[in-house]
Amino acid sequence: HELPPTEGSHLPPPASGDKAEIPLPPSGDPDEVRRWALAVMATFGLHEWRFEFTRGVRVLGVCRHLRRAIGLSRHLIERNSAEHARSTLLHEIAHALVGAGHGHGPVWKRKAAE
C-alpha cells in the first residue's frame, strides 16, 4: 500500500472517544509502538493477529492475511507524524477486517469509512 509521506489514509479521523483514539507513544520506541499497535488492533477484535515492523520506504503499511500480521514501516514511524502512523495502521486494519481479495474495492471502502 504505497502512500507518499504527505498523503493520508482513506480513513476519516476518529470521533472523540472512538476506540482508535489510543495515542501513539511520542518516543517512537519500537517496543512502545508495538504495544500501541497491538492495543489498537485488539480494539477491532484482531486478537489473533501479530504486529511487525517492515523495512519499507515506499510501502508504509502492509496487511498479510496468510500470516495474520499487520506491518508498519520503521521509516513511517521515524519520519512521519503520529497521525500518519495512526491513519496507516487503521488503513491496514480495514484490510484485515474485510479479508483477502478486496484490495481497495467497495467492500474495503465501506469498512474503511466506518
N, C-alpha and C. Protein backbone atom coordinates (compact mmCIF):
# COMPACT_ATOMS: atom_id res chain seq x y z
N HIS A 1 0.84 -1.17 0.00
CA HIS A 1 0.00 0.00 0.00
C HIS A 1 0.88 1.22 0.00
N GLU A 2 1.11 1.71 -1.16
CA GLU A 2 2.03 2.83 -1.30
C GLU A 2 1.32 4.14 -0.99
N LEU A 3 1.84 4.83 -0.02
CA LEU A 3 1.32 6.13 0.35
C LEU A 3 2.49 7.08 0.50
N PRO A 4 2.52 8.15 -0.27
CA PRO A 4 3.58 9.13 -0.06
C PRO A 4 3.46 9.70 1.35
N PRO A 5 4.56 10.12 1.95
CA PRO A 5 4.50 10.63 3.32
C PRO A 5 3.51 11.77 3.53
N THR A 6 3.18 12.52 2.50
CA THR A 6 2.26 13.64 2.68
C THR A 6 0.81 13.24 2.50
N GLU A 7 0.56 12.04 1.95
CA GLU A 7 -0.81 11.61 1.70
C GLU A 7 -1.32 10.83 2.90
N GLY A 8 -2.52 11.11 3.34
CA GLY A 8 -3.09 10.41 4.47
C GLY A 8 -3.80 9.16 4.04
N SER A 9 -4.46 8.55 4.98
CA SER A 9 -5.22 7.34 4.72
C SER A 9 -6.58 7.71 4.17
N HIS A 10 -7.30 6.71 3.71
CA HIS A 10 -8.67 6.91 3.26
C HIS A 10 -9.63 6.93 4.44
N LEU A 11 -9.13 6.71 5.63
CA LEU A 11 -9.99 6.65 6.80
C LEU A 11 -10.17 8.04 7.40
N PRO A 12 -11.38 8.37 7.81
CA PRO A 12 -11.59 9.66 8.45
C PRO A 12 -11.01 9.65 9.85
N PRO A 13 -10.73 10.82 10.42
CA PRO A 13 -10.25 10.84 11.79
C PRO A 13 -11.35 10.31 12.71
N PRO A 14 -10.96 9.64 13.80
CA PRO A 14 -11.97 9.08 14.68
C PRO A 14 -12.71 10.16 15.44
N ALA A 15 -13.95 9.86 15.77
CA ALA A 15 -14.73 10.75 16.61
C ALA A 15 -14.16 10.68 18.02
N SER A 16 -14.39 11.70 18.80
CA SER A 16 -13.91 11.70 20.17
C SER A 16 -14.45 10.49 20.90
N GLY A 17 -13.57 9.79 21.62
CA GLY A 17 -13.97 8.61 22.35
C GLY A 17 -13.95 7.35 21.50
N ASP A 18 -13.59 7.46 20.25
CA ASP A 18 -13.53 6.32 19.35
C ASP A 18 -12.45 5.36 19.83
N LYS A 19 -12.64 4.07 19.57
CA LYS A 19 -11.70 3.07 20.03
C LYS A 19 -10.32 3.21 19.38
N ALA A 20 -10.22 3.91 18.27
CA ALA A 20 -8.93 4.09 17.59
C ALA A 20 -8.14 5.27 18.15
N GLU A 21 -8.63 5.88 19.21
CA GLU A 21 -8.00 7.07 19.76
C GLU A 21 -6.86 6.78 20.73
N ILE A 22 -6.38 5.56 20.79
CA ILE A 22 -5.25 5.25 21.65
C ILE A 22 -4.04 6.00 21.10
N PRO A 23 -3.44 6.90 21.87
CA PRO A 23 -2.37 7.73 21.32
C PRO A 23 -1.07 6.96 21.06
N LEU A 24 -0.45 7.29 19.95
CA LEU A 24 0.85 6.72 19.62
C LEU A 24 1.88 7.26 20.60
N PRO A 25 2.75 6.39 21.13
CA PRO A 25 3.77 6.89 22.06
C PRO A 25 4.67 7.92 21.38
N PRO A 26 4.92 9.04 22.04
CA PRO A 26 5.72 10.10 21.43
C PRO A 26 7.17 9.72 21.21
N SER A 27 7.67 8.75 21.94
CA SER A 27 9.10 8.42 21.85
C SER A 27 9.46 7.73 20.55
N GLY A 28 8.53 7.01 19.93
CA GLY A 28 8.85 6.24 18.76
C GLY A 28 9.64 4.97 19.08
N ASP A 29 9.78 4.66 20.38
CA ASP A 29 10.47 3.45 20.81
C ASP A 29 9.76 2.23 20.21
N PRO A 30 10.50 1.35 19.53
CA PRO A 30 9.87 0.21 18.86
C PRO A 30 8.98 -0.65 19.77
N ASP A 31 9.41 -0.89 20.99
CA ASP A 31 8.59 -1.71 21.90
C ASP A 31 7.29 -1.00 22.24
N GLU A 32 7.36 0.31 22.46
CA GLU A 32 6.15 1.08 22.77
C GLU A 32 5.23 1.15 21.55
N VAL A 33 5.80 1.33 20.37
CA VAL A 33 5.00 1.39 19.15
C VAL A 33 4.31 0.05 18.92
N ARG A 34 5.02 -1.05 19.16
CA ARG A 34 4.43 -2.38 19.01
C ARG A 34 3.26 -2.56 19.97
N ARG A 35 3.44 -2.17 21.23
CA ARG A 35 2.35 -2.27 22.21
C ARG A 35 1.15 -1.41 21.79
N TRP A 36 1.43 -0.20 21.29
CA TRP A 36 0.38 0.69 20.81
C TRP A 36 -0.40 0.04 19.67
N ALA A 37 0.33 -0.47 18.67
CA ALA A 37 -0.32 -1.07 17.50
C ALA A 37 -1.16 -2.27 17.91
N LEU A 38 -0.64 -3.13 18.76
CA LEU A 38 -1.40 -4.30 19.21
C LEU A 38 -2.64 -3.90 19.99
N ALA A 39 -2.54 -2.84 20.78
CA ALA A 39 -3.71 -2.36 21.54
C ALA A 39 -4.78 -1.84 20.59
N VAL A 40 -4.40 -1.07 19.59
CA VAL A 40 -5.37 -0.57 18.61
C VAL A 40 -5.97 -1.75 17.84
N MET A 41 -5.15 -2.67 17.41
CA MET A 41 -5.65 -3.84 16.68
C MET A 41 -6.64 -4.63 17.54
N ALA A 42 -6.36 -4.77 18.82
CA ALA A 42 -7.25 -5.51 19.71
C ALA A 42 -8.61 -4.84 19.84
N THR A 43 -8.65 -3.51 19.79
CA THR A 43 -9.94 -2.82 19.90
C THR A 43 -10.84 -3.14 18.72
N PHE A 44 -10.26 -3.62 17.63
CA PHE A 44 -11.02 -4.01 16.45
C PHE A 44 -11.23 -5.52 16.38
N GLY A 45 -10.86 -6.22 17.45
CA GLY A 45 -11.06 -7.66 17.51
C GLY A 45 -9.97 -8.49 16.86
N LEU A 46 -8.85 -7.89 16.53
CA LEU A 46 -7.76 -8.61 15.87
C LEU A 46 -6.80 -9.20 16.90
N HIS A 47 -7.34 -9.95 17.84
CA HIS A 47 -6.54 -10.52 18.93
C HIS A 47 -5.59 -11.61 18.45
N GLU A 48 -5.93 -12.28 17.38
CA GLU A 48 -5.11 -13.37 16.86
C GLU A 48 -4.07 -12.88 15.84
N TRP A 49 -4.03 -11.60 15.60
CA TRP A 49 -3.11 -11.03 14.62
C TRP A 49 -1.84 -10.55 15.31
N ARG A 50 -0.75 -10.55 14.55
CA ARG A 50 0.54 -10.06 15.04
C ARG A 50 0.83 -8.69 14.43
N PHE A 51 1.74 -7.99 15.07
CA PHE A 51 2.25 -6.73 14.53
C PHE A 51 3.72 -6.93 14.23
N GLU A 52 4.18 -6.36 13.12
CA GLU A 52 5.59 -6.43 12.79
C GLU A 52 6.04 -5.13 12.13
N PHE A 53 7.31 -4.84 12.28
CA PHE A 53 7.90 -3.72 11.58
C PHE A 53 8.41 -4.20 10.23
N THR A 54 8.35 -3.32 9.24
CA THR A 54 8.90 -3.64 7.92
C THR A 54 10.02 -2.66 7.62
N ARG A 55 10.75 -2.96 6.58
CA ARG A 55 11.85 -2.08 6.15
C ARG A 55 11.42 -1.16 5.03
N GLY A 56 10.14 -1.15 4.71
CA GLY A 56 9.64 -0.39 3.58
C GLY A 56 9.91 1.10 3.67
N VAL A 57 10.21 1.68 2.52
CA VAL A 57 10.36 3.13 2.42
C VAL A 57 9.22 3.68 1.56
N ARG A 58 8.86 2.94 0.53
CA ARG A 58 7.76 3.36 -0.34
C ARG A 58 6.43 2.77 0.13
N VAL A 59 6.44 1.57 0.66
CA VAL A 59 5.24 0.92 1.18
C VAL A 59 5.26 1.09 2.70
N LEU A 60 4.36 1.91 3.20
CA LEU A 60 4.42 2.27 4.61
C LEU A 60 3.64 1.33 5.52
N GLY A 61 2.69 0.60 4.97
CA GLY A 61 1.93 -0.35 5.76
C GLY A 61 1.57 -1.55 4.92
N VAL A 62 1.36 -2.67 5.60
CA VAL A 62 1.03 -3.90 4.89
C VAL A 62 0.13 -4.77 5.76
N CYS A 63 -0.81 -5.45 5.10
CA CYS A 63 -1.66 -6.42 5.78
C CYS A 63 -1.39 -7.76 5.13
N ARG A 64 -0.91 -8.70 5.91
CA ARG A 64 -0.56 -10.03 5.41
C ARG A 64 -1.56 -11.04 5.97
N HIS A 65 -2.58 -11.32 5.17
CA HIS A 65 -3.66 -12.19 5.63
C HIS A 65 -3.20 -13.59 5.98
N LEU A 66 -2.37 -14.19 5.16
CA LEU A 66 -1.94 -15.57 5.41
C LEU A 66 -1.14 -15.68 6.71
N ARG A 67 -0.38 -14.65 7.03
CA ARG A 67 0.41 -14.65 8.27
C ARG A 67 -0.34 -14.05 9.44
N ARG A 68 -1.53 -13.49 9.15
CA ARG A 68 -2.30 -12.77 10.16
C ARG A 68 -1.41 -11.74 10.86
N ALA A 69 -0.84 -10.86 10.03
CA ALA A 69 0.08 -9.84 10.53
C ALA A 69 -0.17 -8.52 9.82
N ILE A 70 -0.06 -7.47 10.59
CA ILE A 70 -0.08 -6.11 10.06
C ILE A 70 1.29 -5.53 10.34
N GLY A 71 1.86 -4.91 9.31
CA GLY A 71 3.18 -4.32 9.45
C GLY A 71 3.18 -2.83 9.15
N LEU A 72 4.00 -2.12 9.87
CA LEU A 72 4.24 -0.71 9.60
C LEU A 72 5.73 -0.52 9.39
N SER A 73 6.05 0.34 8.47
CA SER A 73 7.44 0.64 8.15
C SER A 73 8.10 1.42 9.28
N ARG A 74 9.31 1.02 9.61
CA ARG A 74 10.08 1.81 10.59
C ARG A 74 10.28 3.23 10.06
N HIS A 75 10.43 3.33 8.74
CA HIS A 75 10.57 4.64 8.08
C HIS A 75 9.36 5.51 8.40
N LEU A 76 8.16 4.93 8.33
CA LEU A 76 6.93 5.66 8.64
C LEU A 76 6.97 6.20 10.06
N ILE A 77 7.31 5.35 10.99
CA ILE A 77 7.30 5.73 12.40
C ILE A 77 8.35 6.81 12.67
N GLU A 78 9.52 6.68 12.08
CA GLU A 78 10.63 7.60 12.36
C GLU A 78 10.50 8.95 11.67
N ARG A 79 9.82 9.01 10.51
CA ARG A 79 9.88 10.21 9.68
C ARG A 79 8.54 10.88 9.42
N ASN A 80 7.48 10.38 10.01
CA ASN A 80 6.18 10.96 9.77
C ASN A 80 5.47 11.25 11.09
N SER A 81 4.38 11.97 10.98
CA SER A 81 3.64 12.34 12.18
C SER A 81 2.94 11.13 12.80
N ALA A 82 2.60 11.28 14.05
CA ALA A 82 1.83 10.24 14.74
C ALA A 82 0.50 10.02 14.04
N GLU A 83 -0.10 11.08 13.53
CA GLU A 83 -1.38 10.97 12.82
C GLU A 83 -1.24 10.11 11.56
N HIS A 84 -0.14 10.28 10.85
CA HIS A 84 0.08 9.48 9.64
C HIS A 84 0.25 8.00 9.99
N ALA A 85 0.98 7.73 11.06
CA ALA A 85 1.15 6.35 11.51
C ALA A 85 -0.20 5.75 11.92
N ARG A 86 -1.00 6.51 12.65
CA ARG A 86 -2.32 6.05 13.07
C ARG A 86 -3.21 5.78 11.86
N SER A 87 -3.21 6.69 10.91
CA SER A 87 -4.02 6.52 9.71
C SER A 87 -3.60 5.28 8.92
N THR A 88 -2.31 5.07 8.82
CA THR A 88 -1.81 3.90 8.09
C THR A 88 -2.20 2.61 8.80
N LEU A 89 -2.08 2.60 10.13
CA LEU A 89 -2.49 1.41 10.88
C LEU A 89 -3.98 1.13 10.68
N LEU A 90 -4.81 2.16 10.75
CA LEU A 90 -6.25 1.97 10.54
C LEU A 90 -6.55 1.48 9.13
N HIS A 91 -5.82 1.98 8.16
CA HIS A 91 -5.95 1.55 6.77
C HIS A 91 -5.71 0.04 6.67
N GLU A 92 -4.64 -0.42 7.31
CA GLU A 92 -4.30 -1.85 7.27
C GLU A 92 -5.29 -2.68 8.08
N ILE A 93 -5.79 -2.14 9.18
CA ILE A 93 -6.81 -2.84 9.97
C ILE A 93 -8.06 -3.07 9.13
N ALA A 94 -8.44 -2.09 8.33
CA ALA A 94 -9.60 -2.25 7.46
C ALA A 94 -9.37 -3.41 6.49
N HIS A 95 -8.16 -3.55 5.96
CA HIS A 95 -7.84 -4.68 5.10
C HIS A 95 -8.00 -6.01 5.86
N ALA A 96 -7.50 -6.04 7.08
CA ALA A 96 -7.59 -7.27 7.87
C ALA A 96 -9.04 -7.65 8.13
N LEU A 97 -9.87 -6.66 8.42
CA LEU A 97 -11.26 -6.93 8.77
C LEU A 97 -12.10 -7.43 7.60
N VAL A 98 -11.81 -6.98 6.39
CA VAL A 98 -12.63 -7.41 5.25
C VAL A 98 -12.13 -8.70 4.63
N GLY A 99 -10.91 -9.10 4.92
CA GLY A 99 -10.39 -10.33 4.37
C GLY A 99 -9.65 -10.11 3.06
N ALA A 100 -8.94 -11.14 2.67
CA ALA A 100 -8.12 -11.07 1.45
C ALA A 100 -9.00 -10.95 0.22
N GLY A 101 -8.44 -10.37 -0.81
CA GLY A 101 -9.10 -10.33 -2.10
C GLY A 101 -9.96 -9.10 -2.37
N HIS A 102 -10.01 -8.17 -1.44
CA HIS A 102 -10.85 -6.99 -1.65
C HIS A 102 -10.07 -5.76 -2.08
N GLY A 103 -8.75 -5.78 -1.92
CA GLY A 103 -7.95 -4.61 -2.31
C GLY A 103 -8.53 -3.33 -1.75
N HIS A 104 -8.63 -2.31 -2.59
CA HIS A 104 -9.24 -1.04 -2.20
C HIS A 104 -10.60 -0.88 -2.86
N GLY A 105 -11.28 -2.01 -3.08
CA GLY A 105 -12.59 -2.02 -3.72
C GLY A 105 -13.71 -1.59 -2.79
N PRO A 106 -14.95 -1.76 -3.23
CA PRO A 106 -16.11 -1.26 -2.49
C PRO A 106 -16.27 -1.85 -1.09
N VAL A 107 -15.96 -3.14 -0.93
CA VAL A 107 -16.09 -3.77 0.40
C VAL A 107 -15.11 -3.11 1.37
N TRP A 108 -13.85 -2.95 0.93
CA TRP A 108 -12.85 -2.31 1.78
C TRP A 108 -13.23 -0.85 2.06
N LYS A 109 -13.69 -0.14 1.04
CA LYS A 109 -14.06 1.28 1.21
C LYS A 109 -15.17 1.44 2.24
N ARG A 110 -16.14 0.54 2.21
CA ARG A 110 -17.22 0.63 3.22
C ARG A 110 -16.67 0.41 4.62
N LYS A 111 -15.79 -0.57 4.77
CA LYS A 111 -15.21 -0.84 6.09
C LYS A 111 -14.33 0.32 6.54
N ALA A 112 -13.56 0.87 5.64
CA ALA A 112 -12.66 1.98 5.98
C ALA A 112 -13.43 3.23 6.39
N ALA A 113 -14.65 3.38 5.87
CA ALA A 113 -15.45 4.56 6.18
C ALA A 113 -16.16 4.44 7.52
N GLU A 114 -16.21 3.25 8.11
CA GLU A 114 -16.91 3.08 9.39
C GLU A 114 -16.26 3.85 10.52
